[in-house]
Amino acid sequence: MILSFLWLIGLSFTLLAQKSAQVSSPDGLIVFKIELTDKSPVYIVNYKKKAVINKSDLTLEFDNGAWGQNLVMKKVSTNKVDEYYDLVVGKAKHIRNYYHEMIIPL
């Protein structure tokens, strides 16, 4: 009985694990999406709802094998940054740095 209960809890956490996440540019025109597959993470980039990069593998090859297989995505966090800074040299002096970021712990 206790083992069945623990197995159900473990299954629930597995089903709740994220398999994809996305972030968009502040104007919403660019959308970056990452999906986890058993083989490797894949990413997609859309611009104005049209695919610019479509399901491209994201892996690293090492002497002892590849990184990227059977990854688990933990809680994804997003942040919006809107800040200004001044340039010493350049056409514009006051620059706006405005973006959305996504942190994906694996």
N, C-alpha and C. Protein backbone atom coordinates (compact mmCIF):
# COMPACT_ATOMS: atom_id res chain seq x y z
N MET A 1 0.81 -1.19 0.00
CA MET A 1 0.00 0.00 0.00
C MET A 1 0.86 1.26 0.00
N ILE A 2 1.86 1.32 0.89
CA ILE A 2 2.74 2.48 0.96
C ILE A 2 3.57 2.60 -0.32
N LEU A 3 4.05 1.47 -0.84
CA LEU A 3 4.82 1.50 -2.08
C LEU A 3 3.98 2.00 -3.24
N SER A 4 2.72 1.60 -3.30
CA SER A 4 1.83 2.07 -4.36
C SER A 4 1.65 3.58 -4.27
N PHE A 5 1.48 4.09 -3.06
CA PHE A 5 1.31 5.52 -2.84
C PHE A 5 2.55 6.29 -3.28
N LEU A 6 3.74 5.81 -2.89
CA LEU A 6 5.00 6.46 -3.28
C LEU A 6 5.20 6.41 -4.78
N TRP A 7 4.81 5.31 -5.41
CA TRP A 7 4.93 5.19 -6.86
C TRP A 7 4.03 6.21 -7.55
N LEU A 8 2.83 6.41 -7.05
CA LEU A 8 1.91 7.39 -7.63
C LEU A 8 2.44 8.81 -7.47
N ILE A 9 3.05 9.10 -6.34
CA ILE A 9 3.65 10.42 -6.14
C ILE A 9 4.79 10.64 -7.12
N GLY A 10 5.64 9.65 -7.29
CA GLY A 10 6.74 9.74 -8.25
C GLY A 10 6.24 9.92 -9.67
N LEU A 11 5.19 9.20 -10.03
CA LEU A 11 4.60 9.33 -11.35
C LEU A 11 4.03 10.73 -11.55
N SER A 12 3.42 11.28 -10.53
CA SER A 12 2.86 12.63 -10.62
C SER A 12 3.95 13.66 -10.88
N PHE A 13 5.08 13.56 -10.17
CA PHE A 13 6.18 14.49 -10.39
C PHE A 13 6.74 14.34 -11.80
N THR A 14 6.82 13.11 -12.31
CA THR A 14 7.32 12.88 -13.66
C THR A 14 6.40 13.53 -14.68
N LEU A 15 5.10 13.38 -14.49
CA LEU A 15 4.15 13.96 -15.43
C LEU A 15 4.13 15.48 -15.35
N LEU A 16 4.46 16.03 -14.19
CA LEU A 16 4.47 17.48 -14.04
C LEU A 16 5.75 18.13 -14.57
N ALA A 17 6.78 17.35 -14.83
CA ALA A 17 8.04 17.90 -15.33
C ALA A 17 7.80 18.54 -16.69
N GLN A 18 8.38 19.72 -16.88
CA GLN A 18 8.20 20.43 -18.13
C GLN A 18 8.99 19.78 -19.24
N LYS A 19 8.43 19.80 -20.43
CA LYS A 19 9.12 19.30 -21.61
C LYS A 19 9.43 20.42 -22.59
N SER A 20 8.84 21.61 -22.39
CA SER A 20 9.11 22.73 -23.28
C SER A 20 8.95 24.04 -22.54
N ALA A 21 9.57 25.08 -23.09
CA ALA A 21 9.46 26.42 -22.54
C ALA A 21 9.68 27.42 -23.67
N GLN A 22 9.12 28.61 -23.52
CA GLN A 22 9.34 29.61 -24.56
C GLN A 22 9.41 31.00 -23.97
N VAL A 23 10.07 31.88 -24.72
CA VAL A 23 10.19 33.28 -24.34
C VAL A 23 10.08 34.09 -25.63
N SER A 24 9.52 35.30 -25.51
CA SER A 24 9.37 36.14 -26.70
C SER A 24 10.08 37.47 -26.48
N SER A 25 10.34 38.15 -27.58
CA SER A 25 10.92 39.48 -27.51
C SER A 25 9.89 40.44 -26.93
N PRO A 26 10.32 41.60 -26.44
CA PRO A 26 9.35 42.53 -25.85
C PRO A 26 8.21 42.93 -26.80
N ASP A 27 8.48 43.00 -28.10
CA ASP A 27 7.41 43.35 -29.04
C ASP A 27 6.63 42.13 -29.52
N GLY A 28 7.04 40.92 -29.11
CA GLY A 28 6.33 39.70 -29.45
C GLY A 28 6.61 39.17 -30.84
N LEU A 29 7.49 39.80 -31.59
CA LEU A 29 7.74 39.36 -32.97
C LEU A 29 8.66 38.14 -33.04
N ILE A 30 9.58 38.02 -32.10
CA ILE A 30 10.50 36.88 -32.07
C ILE A 30 10.10 35.97 -30.91
N VAL A 31 9.95 34.67 -31.20
CA VAL A 31 9.61 33.69 -30.18
C VAL A 31 10.64 32.57 -30.23
N PHE A 32 11.27 32.30 -29.08
CA PHE A 32 12.23 31.20 -28.94
C PHE A 32 11.56 30.11 -28.10
N LYS A 33 11.58 28.88 -28.60
CA LYS A 33 11.00 27.76 -27.87
C LYS A 33 12.02 26.64 -27.81
N ILE A 34 12.12 26.01 -26.65
CA ILE A 34 13.00 24.85 -26.49
C ILE A 34 12.14 23.67 -26.02
N GLU A 35 12.41 22.51 -26.61
CA GLU A 35 11.69 21.28 -26.25
C GLU A 35 12.71 20.21 -25.92
N LEU A 36 12.41 19.41 -24.90
CA LEU A 36 13.28 18.30 -24.55
C LEU A 36 12.75 17.02 -25.18
N THR A 37 13.62 16.32 -25.88
CA THR A 37 13.30 15.00 -26.40
C THR A 37 14.26 14.02 -25.74
N ASP A 38 14.03 12.73 -25.93
CA ASP A 38 14.94 11.73 -25.36
C ASP A 38 16.32 11.82 -25.99
N LYS A 39 16.38 12.20 -27.25
CA LYS A 39 17.64 12.26 -27.98
C LYS A 39 18.45 13.51 -27.61
N SER A 40 17.79 14.67 -27.61
CA SER A 40 18.48 15.93 -27.33
C SER A 40 17.46 17.05 -27.20
N PRO A 41 17.89 18.18 -26.64
CA PRO A 41 17.01 19.34 -26.67
C PRO A 41 16.96 19.89 -28.10
N VAL A 42 15.82 20.38 -28.50
CA VAL A 42 15.69 21.04 -29.80
C VAL A 42 15.12 22.44 -29.56
N TYR A 43 15.53 23.37 -30.42
CA TYR A 43 15.00 24.72 -30.28
C TYR A 43 14.41 25.20 -31.60
N ILE A 44 13.47 26.12 -31.46
CA ILE A 44 12.75 26.68 -32.60
C ILE A 44 12.74 28.19 -32.42
N VAL A 45 13.00 28.93 -33.50
CA VAL A 45 12.92 30.39 -33.46
C VAL A 45 11.94 30.83 -34.54
N ASN A 46 10.93 31.59 -34.13
CA ASN A 46 9.95 32.14 -35.07
C ASN A 46 10.06 33.65 -35.09
N TYR A 47 9.87 34.22 -36.27
CA TYR A 47 9.81 35.67 -36.44
C TYR A 47 8.52 35.99 -37.17
N LYS A 48 7.68 36.80 -36.57
CA LYS A 48 6.36 37.12 -37.10
C LYS A 48 5.58 35.84 -37.44
N LYS A 49 5.64 34.88 -36.52
CA LYS A 49 4.92 33.60 -36.60
C LYS A 49 5.39 32.70 -37.75
N LYS A 50 6.55 33.01 -38.34
CA LYS A 50 7.13 32.15 -39.38
C LYS A 50 8.43 31.57 -38.85
N ALA A 51 8.67 30.29 -39.12
CA ALA A 51 9.87 29.62 -38.61
C ALA A 51 11.12 30.16 -39.29
N VAL A 52 12.06 30.62 -38.48
CA VAL A 52 13.37 31.04 -38.97
C VAL A 52 14.35 29.88 -38.76
N ILE A 53 14.26 29.24 -37.60
CA ILE A 53 15.01 28.02 -37.29
C ILE A 53 13.98 27.02 -36.81
N ASN A 54 13.92 25.87 -37.47
CA ASN A 54 12.89 24.89 -37.16
C ASN A 54 13.50 23.60 -36.62
N LYS A 55 13.25 23.30 -35.37
CA LYS A 55 13.69 22.08 -34.68
C LYS A 55 15.16 21.75 -34.94
N SER A 56 16.01 22.57 -34.40
CA SER A 56 17.45 22.37 -34.50
C SER A 56 17.96 21.74 -33.21
N ASP A 57 18.73 20.65 -33.33
CA ASP A 57 19.28 19.96 -32.16
C ASP A 57 20.28 20.85 -31.44
N LEU A 58 20.28 20.74 -30.12
CA LEU A 58 21.19 21.49 -29.28
C LEU A 58 21.98 20.47 -28.45
N THR A 59 23.13 20.03 -28.96
CA THR A 59 23.94 19.03 -28.28
C THR A 59 25.40 19.45 -28.29
N LEU A 60 26.16 18.84 -27.43
CA LEU A 60 27.61 19.01 -27.38
C LEU A 60 28.24 17.63 -27.47
N GLU A 61 29.23 17.49 -28.33
CA GLU A 61 29.93 16.22 -28.49
C GLU A 61 31.25 16.24 -27.72
N PHE A 62 31.46 15.23 -26.88
CA PHE A 62 32.69 15.07 -26.12
C PHE A 62 33.32 13.74 -26.47
N ASP A 63 34.57 13.53 -26.07
CA ASP A 63 35.25 12.26 -26.33
C ASP A 63 34.52 11.08 -25.69
N ASN A 64 33.90 11.31 -24.54
CA ASN A 64 33.23 10.23 -23.83
C ASN A 64 31.71 10.19 -24.10
N GLY A 65 31.25 10.91 -25.11
CA GLY A 65 29.84 10.86 -25.48
C GLY A 65 29.24 12.24 -25.65
N ALA A 66 27.97 12.26 -25.93
CA ALA A 66 27.27 13.52 -26.19
C ALA A 66 26.52 14.00 -24.96
N TRP A 67 26.44 15.32 -24.80
CA TRP A 67 25.63 15.92 -23.76
C TRP A 67 24.28 16.25 -24.38
N GLY A 68 23.22 16.02 -23.65
CA GLY A 68 21.92 16.41 -24.13
C GLY A 68 20.89 15.31 -24.12
N GLN A 69 21.30 14.08 -23.87
CA GLN A 69 20.34 12.98 -23.87
C GLN A 69 19.66 12.85 -22.52
N ASN A 70 18.35 12.57 -22.55
CA ASN A 70 17.55 12.30 -21.34
C ASN A 70 17.65 13.41 -20.28
N LEU A 71 17.60 14.64 -20.72
CA LEU A 71 17.63 15.77 -19.78
C LEU A 71 16.26 15.97 -19.15
N VAL A 72 16.24 16.55 -17.97
CA VAL A 72 15.00 16.88 -17.28
C VAL A 72 15.00 18.38 -17.03
N MET A 73 13.92 19.05 -17.45
CA MET A 73 13.80 20.49 -17.27
C MET A 73 13.16 20.76 -15.91
N LYS A 74 13.86 21.52 -15.11
CA LYS A 74 13.32 21.91 -13.81
C LYS A 74 12.52 23.19 -13.97
N LYS A 75 12.21 23.86 -12.88
CA LYS A 75 11.36 25.05 -12.96
C LYS A 75 12.05 26.17 -13.74
N VAL A 76 11.39 26.60 -14.80
CA VAL A 76 11.90 27.66 -15.67
C VAL A 76 11.53 29.01 -15.06
N SER A 77 12.47 29.95 -15.08
CA SER A 77 12.17 31.29 -14.60
C SER A 77 12.36 32.30 -15.73
N THR A 78 11.53 33.31 -15.74
CA THR A 78 11.63 34.36 -16.75
C THR A 78 11.77 35.70 -16.06
N ASN A 79 12.33 36.63 -16.80
CA ASN A 79 12.56 37.97 -16.25
C ASN A 79 12.48 38.98 -17.39
N LYS A 80 11.95 40.15 -17.09
CA LYS A 80 11.90 41.25 -18.06
C LYS A 80 12.87 42.32 -17.59
N VAL A 81 13.75 42.74 -18.49
CA VAL A 81 14.75 43.76 -18.16
C VAL A 81 14.50 44.99 -19.03
N ASP A 82 14.46 46.14 -18.41
CA ASP A 82 14.31 47.40 -19.12
C ASP A 82 15.19 48.42 -18.41
N GLU A 83 16.37 48.66 -18.97
CA GLU A 83 17.33 49.55 -18.34
C GLU A 83 17.98 50.47 -19.37
N TYR A 84 18.59 51.51 -18.91
CA TYR A 84 19.28 52.46 -19.78
C TYR A 84 20.73 52.60 -19.33
N TYR A 85 21.60 52.89 -20.29
CA TYR A 85 22.99 53.18 -19.98
C TYR A 85 23.52 54.19 -20.99
N ASP A 86 24.63 54.84 -20.66
CA ASP A 86 25.22 55.85 -21.53
C ASP A 86 26.49 55.32 -22.18
N LEU A 87 26.65 55.65 -23.48
CA LEU A 87 27.86 55.31 -24.22
C LEU A 87 28.84 56.48 -24.15
N VAL A 88 30.12 56.17 -24.11
CA VAL A 88 31.14 57.21 -24.12
C VAL A 88 31.31 57.72 -25.55
N VAL A 89 31.33 56.77 -26.52
CA VAL A 89 31.52 57.12 -27.93
C VAL A 89 30.41 56.44 -28.73
N GLY A 90 29.92 57.13 -29.76
CA GLY A 90 28.91 56.52 -30.62
C GLY A 90 27.90 57.54 -31.09
N LYS A 91 27.02 57.11 -32.00
CA LYS A 91 26.00 58.02 -32.54
C LYS A 91 24.96 58.39 -31.49
N ALA A 92 24.58 57.42 -30.68
CA ALA A 92 23.60 57.67 -29.63
C ALA A 92 24.30 57.66 -28.27
N LYS A 93 23.88 58.54 -27.38
CA LYS A 93 24.51 58.59 -26.07
C LYS A 93 23.74 57.75 -25.05
N HIS A 94 22.43 57.86 -25.04
CA HIS A 94 21.58 57.17 -24.07
C HIS A 94 20.97 55.94 -24.74
N ILE A 95 21.31 54.73 -24.27
CA ILE A 95 20.90 53.47 -24.90
C ILE A 95 19.91 52.73 -24.01
N ARG A 96 18.87 52.19 -24.64
CA ARG A 96 17.90 51.36 -23.91
C ARG A 96 18.24 49.89 -24.12
N ASN A 97 18.33 49.15 -23.05
CA ASN A 97 18.57 47.71 -23.07
C ASN A 97 17.29 47.04 -22.57
N TYR A 98 16.48 46.54 -23.50
CA TYR A 98 15.15 46.04 -23.17
C TYR A 98 15.01 44.63 -23.73
N TYR A 99 14.84 43.64 -22.86
CA TYR A 99 14.73 42.26 -23.32
C TYR A 99 14.00 41.40 -22.29
N HIS A 100 13.59 40.22 -22.74
CA HIS A 100 13.03 39.19 -21.87
C HIS A 100 14.03 38.05 -21.83
N GLU A 101 14.26 37.49 -20.66
CA GLU A 101 15.19 36.37 -20.53
C GLU A 101 14.49 35.18 -19.90
N MET A 102 15.05 34.01 -20.19
CA MET A 102 14.51 32.76 -19.65
C MET A 102 15.68 31.92 -19.15
N ILE A 103 15.60 31.45 -17.92
CA ILE A 103 16.63 30.59 -17.33
C ILE A 103 16.04 29.19 -17.21
N ILE A 104 16.74 28.22 -17.82
CA ILE A 104 16.23 26.84 -17.88
C ILE A 104 17.21 25.93 -17.15
N PRO A 105 16.95 25.59 -15.90
CA PRO A 105 17.83 24.63 -15.21
C PRO A 105 17.56 23.22 -15.73
N LEU A 106 18.65 22.54 -16.07
CA LEU A 106 18.55 21.15 -16.56
C LEU A 106 19.21 20.20 -15.60
